[in-house]
Amino acid sequence: MTQLRQENKNYKRPESVLIVIYSLTGHVLMLHRAFPEDFWQSVTGSLEWEETVEHAARRELKEETGLDGDTLVNCNFSQNFEIYSIWRDRYPPNTIHNKEHVFLLALDTCQAVALDPREHTEYRWVAREEAIQLATSHTNAEAIQRWVPAA
């Protein structure tokens, strides 16, 4: 594994976190990616080669929203998905799948977040059903449907 890490250190690790943020008022936070257009998602991000899933989830949450992860919940659930062809060159050669670990963050109410403009251009708090429809990634939509309580 150490040799694999050394050889691939210039590539992204094909393992990521998905953090679904929702409010107890029945809304889900959705982020609009800077690229490509019309790509809506929850907080996501790749693990660094030496990073744990918990550390990556807290790091990505802070980087993408400014929120802390004190009440972050690891769902102990992961799923594999095919990496979109536009992003495959970021991963080690011949890598086409990514393993995604799901986390939840429940907030009392919808709150303002601090976006990283290099990654996201806007955010919306939307009803659960709208978030399921808005999510570009099927794994994101499935996570919202599975883990966010219906209002």
C-alpha atoms as a PDB file:
ATOM      1  CA  MET A   1       0.000   0.000   0.000  1.00  0.00           C
ATOM      2  CA  THR A   2       2.886   2.408   0.752  1.00  0.00           C
ATOM      3  CA  GLN A   3       4.272   1.883  -2.761  1.00  0.00           C
ATOM      4  CA  LEU A   4       0.799   2.555  -4.218  1.00  0.00           C
ATOM      5  CA  ARG A   5       0.581   5.814  -2.246  1.00  0.00           C
ATOM      6  CA  GLN A   6       4.027   6.904  -3.428  1.00  0.00           C
ATOM      7  CA  GLU A   7       3.230   6.161  -7.062  1.00  0.00           C
ATOM      8  CA  ASN A   8      -0.123   7.923  -6.882  1.00  0.00           C
ATOM      9  CA  LYS A   9       0.711  10.937  -4.716  1.00  0.00           C
ATOM     10  CA  ASN A  10       0.127  13.275  -7.652  1.00  0.00           C
ATOM     11  CA  TYR A  11      -3.385  11.896  -8.133  1.00  0.00           C
ATOM     12  CA  LYS A  12      -6.548  12.095  -6.110  1.00  0.00           C
ATOM     13  CA  ARG A  13      -7.395   9.114  -3.948  1.00  0.00           C
ATOM     14  CA  PRO A  14     -10.494   7.360  -5.368  1.00  0.00           C
ATOM     15  CA  GLU A  15     -12.260   7.532  -2.023  1.00  0.00           C
ATOM     16  CA  SER A  16     -14.410  10.386  -0.813  1.00  0.00           C
ATOM     17  CA  VAL A  17     -16.896  11.647   1.740  1.00  0.00           C
ATOM     18  CA  LEU A  18     -20.419  12.914   1.219  1.00  0.00           C
ATOM     19  CA  ILE A  19     -21.808  15.077   4.017  1.00  0.00           C
ATOM     20  CA  VAL A  20     -25.547  15.669   3.852  1.00  0.00           C
ATOM     21  CA  ILE A  21     -26.480  18.719   5.919  1.00  0.00           C
ATOM     22  CA  TYR A  22     -30.095  19.164   6.905  1.00  0.00           C
ATOM     23  CA  SER A  23     -32.135  21.205   9.331  1.00  0.00           C
ATOM     24  CA  LEU A  24     -34.690  19.943  11.812  1.00  0.00           C
ATOM     25  CA  THR A  25     -37.104  22.268   9.999  1.00  0.00           C
ATOM     26  CA  GLY A  26     -37.041  19.858   7.023  1.00  0.00           C
ATOM     27  CA  HIS A  27     -34.550  21.508   4.655  1.00  0.00           C
ATOM     28  CA  VAL A  28     -31.368  20.225   3.021  1.00  0.00           C
ATOM     29  CA  LEU A  29     -28.332  22.350   2.154  1.00  0.00           C
ATOM     30  CA  MET A  30     -27.422  22.087  -1.531  1.00  0.00           C
ATOM     31  CA  LEU A  31     -24.296  23.604  -3.092  1.00  0.00           C
ATOM     32  CA  HIS A  32     -23.868  24.662  -6.730  1.00  0.00           C
ATOM     33  CA  ARG A  33     -20.473  23.695  -8.148  1.00  0.00           C
ATOM     34  CA  ALA A  34     -18.423  26.280  -9.983  1.00  0.00           C
ATOM     35  CA  PHE A  35     -17.821  23.620 -12.682  1.00  0.00           C
ATOM     36  CA  PRO A  36     -19.613  22.058 -14.417  1.00  0.00           C
ATOM     37  CA  GLU A  37     -22.693  24.225 -14.788  1.00  0.00           C
ATOM     38  CA  ASP A  38     -25.949  22.926 -13.338  1.00  0.00           C
ATOM     39  CA  PHE A  39     -24.197  20.591 -10.881  1.00  0.00           C
ATOM     40  CA  TRP A  40     -25.811  20.609  -7.433  1.00  0.00           C
ATOM     41  CA  GLN A  41     -24.537  18.559  -4.526  1.00  0.00           C
ATOM     42  CA  SER A  42     -24.080  18.212  -0.804  1.00  0.00           C
ATOM     43  CA  VAL A  43     -20.621  18.710   0.697  1.00  0.00           C
ATOM     44  CA  THR A  44     -18.195  16.253  -0.910  1.00  0.00           C
ATOM     45  CA  GLY A  45     -14.489  15.750  -1.156  1.00  0.00           C
ATOM     46  CA  SER A  46     -11.718  13.252  -1.708  1.00  0.00           C
ATOM     47  CA  LEU A  47      -9.652  11.769   1.074  1.00  0.00           C
ATOM     48  CA  GLU A  48      -5.964  12.587   1.151  1.00  0.00           C
ATOM     49  CA  TRP A  49      -3.785   9.459   0.808  1.00  0.00           C
ATOM     50  CA  GLU A  50      -2.999   9.233   4.552  1.00  0.00           C
ATOM     51  CA  GLU A  51      -6.343  10.577   5.848  1.00  0.00           C
ATOM     52  CA  THR A  52      -9.171   8.828   7.708  1.00  0.00           C
ATOM     53  CA  VAL A  53     -12.765   9.215   6.561  1.00  0.00           C
ATOM     54  CA  GLU A  54     -13.687  11.077   9.769  1.00  0.00           C
ATOM     55  CA  HIS A  55     -10.876  13.589   9.349  1.00  0.00           C
ATOM     56  CA  ALA A  56     -11.749  14.114   5.678  1.00  0.00           C
ATOM     57  CA  ALA A  57     -15.418  14.703   6.526  1.00  0.00           C
ATOM     58  CA  ARG A  58     -14.559  17.356   9.126  1.00  0.00           C
ATOM     59  CA  ARG A  59     -12.004  18.993   6.825  1.00  0.00           C
ATOM     60  CA  GLU A  60     -14.331  19.111   3.816  1.00  0.00           C
ATOM     61  CA  LEU A  61     -17.218  20.411   5.920  1.00  0.00           C
ATOM     62  CA  LYS A  62     -15.067  23.275   7.222  1.00  0.00           C
ATOM     63  CA  GLU A  63     -13.528  24.050   3.813  1.00  0.00           C
ATOM     64  CA  GLU A  64     -16.801  24.066   1.901  1.00  0.00           C
ATOM     65  CA  THR A  65     -19.197  25.643   4.423  1.00  0.00           C
ATOM     66  CA  GLY A  66     -17.245  27.055   7.372  1.00  0.00           C
ATOM     67  CA  LEU A  67     -19.286  24.799   9.696  1.00  0.00           C
ATOM     68  CA  ASP A  68     -17.627  22.668  12.346  1.00  0.00           C
ATOM     69  CA  GLY A  69     -18.173  18.945  12.644  1.00  0.00           C
ATOM     70  CA  ASP A  70     -18.845  18.597  16.360  1.00  0.00           C
ATOM     71  CA  THR A  71     -22.137  16.791  15.751  1.00  0.00           C
ATOM     72  CA  LEU A  72     -21.161  15.071  12.507  1.00  0.00           C
ATOM     73  CA  VAL A  73     -22.550  11.524  12.285  1.00  0.00           C
ATOM     74  CA  ASN A  74     -20.804   8.748  10.367  1.00  0.00           C
ATOM     75  CA  CYS A  75     -23.583   6.629   8.816  1.00  0.00           C
ATOM     76  CA  ASN A  76     -21.105   3.724   8.475  1.00  0.00           C
ATOM     77  CA  PHE A  77     -22.336   3.366   4.932  1.00  0.00           C
ATOM     78  CA  SER A  78     -20.397   3.613   1.705  1.00  0.00           C
ATOM     79  CA  GLN A  79     -21.184   3.139  -1.940  1.00  0.00           C
ATOM     80  CA  ASN A  80     -19.209   2.964  -5.153  1.00  0.00           C
ATOM     81  CA  PHE A  81     -19.910   5.110  -8.159  1.00  0.00           C
ATOM     82  CA  GLU A  82     -18.401   5.616 -11.573  1.00  0.00           C
ATOM     83  CA  ILE A  83     -16.227   8.736 -11.781  1.00  0.00           C
ATOM     84  CA  TYR A  84     -17.467  11.144 -14.455  1.00  0.00           C
ATOM     85  CA  SER A  85     -15.126  11.061 -17.451  1.00  0.00           C
ATOM     86  CA  ILE A  86     -14.417  14.815 -17.152  1.00  0.00           C
ATOM     87  CA  TRP A  87     -12.682  14.144 -13.791  1.00  0.00           C
ATOM     88  CA  ARG A  88     -10.954  10.779 -14.417  1.00  0.00           C
ATOM     89  CA  ASP A  89      -7.583  12.338 -15.267  1.00  0.00           C
ATOM     90  CA  ARG A  90      -7.349  13.495 -11.637  1.00  0.00           C
ATOM     91  CA  TYR A  91      -7.172   9.868 -10.457  1.00  0.00           C
ATOM     92  CA  PRO A  92      -4.558   7.134 -10.875  1.00  0.00           C
ATOM     93  CA  PRO A  93      -4.482   5.588 -14.374  1.00  0.00           C
ATOM     94  CA  ASN A  94      -7.295   3.130 -15.122  1.00  0.00           C
ATOM     95  CA  THR A  95      -9.321   4.255 -12.103  1.00  0.00           C
ATOM     96  CA  ILE A  96     -13.000   4.537 -12.947  1.00  0.00           C
ATOM     97  CA  HIS A  97     -14.747   4.027  -9.596  1.00  0.00           C
ATOM     98  CA  ASN A  98     -14.786   5.960  -6.338  1.00  0.00           C
ATOM     99  CA  LYS A  99     -15.820   4.753  -2.886  1.00  0.00           C
ATOM    100  CA  GLU A 100     -17.992   7.332  -1.118  1.00  0.00           C
ATOM    101  CA  HIS A 101     -18.596   7.375   2.671  1.00  0.00           C
ATOM    102  CA  VAL A 102     -21.807   9.038   3.902  1.00  0.00           C
ATOM    103  CA  PHE A 103     -22.016  11.444   6.862  1.00  0.00           C
ATOM    104  CA  LEU A 104     -24.857  13.559   8.235  1.00  0.00           C
ATOM    105  CA  LEU A 105     -24.958  16.892   9.971  1.00  0.00           C
ATOM    106  CA  ALA A 106     -28.291  17.885  11.523  1.00  0.00           C
ATOM    107  CA  LEU A 107     -28.728  21.548  12.435  1.00  0.00           C
ATOM    108  CA  ASP A 108     -31.560  23.085  14.445  1.00  0.00           C
ATOM    109  CA  THR A 109     -32.317  25.618  11.712  1.00  0.00           C
ATOM    110  CA  CYS A 110     -31.080  26.656   8.280  1.00  0.00           C
ATOM    111  CA  GLN A 111     -28.015  28.840   8.602  1.00  0.00           C
ATOM    112  CA  ALA A 112     -25.769  30.907   6.407  1.00  0.00           C
ATOM    113  CA  VAL A 113     -22.615  29.151   5.231  1.00  0.00           C
ATOM    114  CA  ALA A 114     -19.279  30.438   3.939  1.00  0.00           C
ATOM    115  CA  LEU A 115     -18.614  28.966   0.492  1.00  0.00           C
ATOM    116  CA  ASP A 116     -15.217  28.501  -1.092  1.00  0.00           C
ATOM    117  CA  PRO A 117     -15.785  30.352  -4.404  1.00  0.00           C
ATOM    118  CA  ARG A 118     -13.251  28.127  -6.154  1.00  0.00           C
ATOM    119  CA  GLU A 119     -15.603  25.195  -5.616  1.00  0.00           C
ATOM    120  CA  HIS A 120     -19.149  26.553  -5.240  1.00  0.00           C
ATOM    121  CA  THR A 121     -20.980  29.604  -6.531  1.00  0.00           C
ATOM    122  CA  GLU A 122     -24.145  29.513  -4.413  1.00  0.00           C
ATOM    123  CA  TYR A 123     -26.112  27.509  -1.918  1.00  0.00           C
ATOM    124  CA  ARG A 124     -29.760  26.845  -1.228  1.00  0.00           C
ATOM    125  CA  TRP A 125     -31.706  25.387   1.650  1.00  0.00           C
ATOM    126  CA  VAL A 126     -34.481  23.393  -0.010  1.00  0.00           C
ATOM    127  CA  ALA A 127     -37.148  20.922   1.076  1.00  0.00           C
ATOM    128  CA  ARG A 128     -36.035  17.274   1.218  1.00  0.00           C
ATOM    129  CA  GLU A 129     -37.950  16.248  -1.925  1.00  0.00           C
ATOM    130  CA  GLU A 130     -36.569  19.202  -3.881  1.00  0.00           C
ATOM    131  CA  ALA A 131     -33.035  18.311  -2.747  1.00  0.00           C
ATOM    132  CA  ILE A 132     -33.500  14.756  -4.032  1.00  0.00           C
ATOM    133  CA  GLN A 133     -34.526  16.163  -7.421  1.00  0.00           C
ATOM    134  CA  LEU A 134     -31.823  18.854  -7.451  1.00  0.00           C
ATOM    135  CA  ALA A 135     -28.883  16.546  -6.626  1.00  0.00           C
ATOM    136  CA  THR A 136     -26.923  15.852  -9.795  1.00  0.00           C
ATOM    137  CA  SER A 137     -25.287  12.703  -8.424  1.00  0.00           C
ATOM    138  CA  HIS A 138     -27.541   9.689  -7.978  1.00  0.00           C
ATOM    139  CA  THR A 139     -25.587   8.657  -4.868  1.00  0.00           C
ATOM    140  CA  ASN A 140     -26.224  12.097  -3.363  1.00  0.00           C
ATOM    141  CA  ALA A 141     -29.960  11.866  -4.126  1.00  0.00           C
ATOM    142  CA  GLU A 142     -30.086   8.345  -2.669  1.00  0.00           C
ATOM    143  CA  ALA A 143     -28.284   9.457   0.508  1.00  0.00           C
ATOM    144  CA  ILE A 144     -30.744  12.302   1.029  1.00  0.00           C
ATOM    145  CA  GLN A 145     -33.678   9.971   0.486  1.00  0.00           C
ATOM    146  CA  ARG A 146     -32.249   7.307   2.793  1.00  0.00           C
ATOM    147  CA  TRP A 147     -30.841   9.400   5.641  1.00  0.00           C
ATOM    148  CA  VAL A 148     -32.756  12.682   5.861  1.00  0.00           C
ATOM    149  CA  PRO A 149     -36.015  12.313   7.792  1.00  0.00           C
ATOM    150  CA  ALA A 150     -39.174  13.179   5.878  1.00  0.00           C
ATOM    151  CA  ALA A 151     -40.872  16.301   7.234  1.00  0.00           C
END
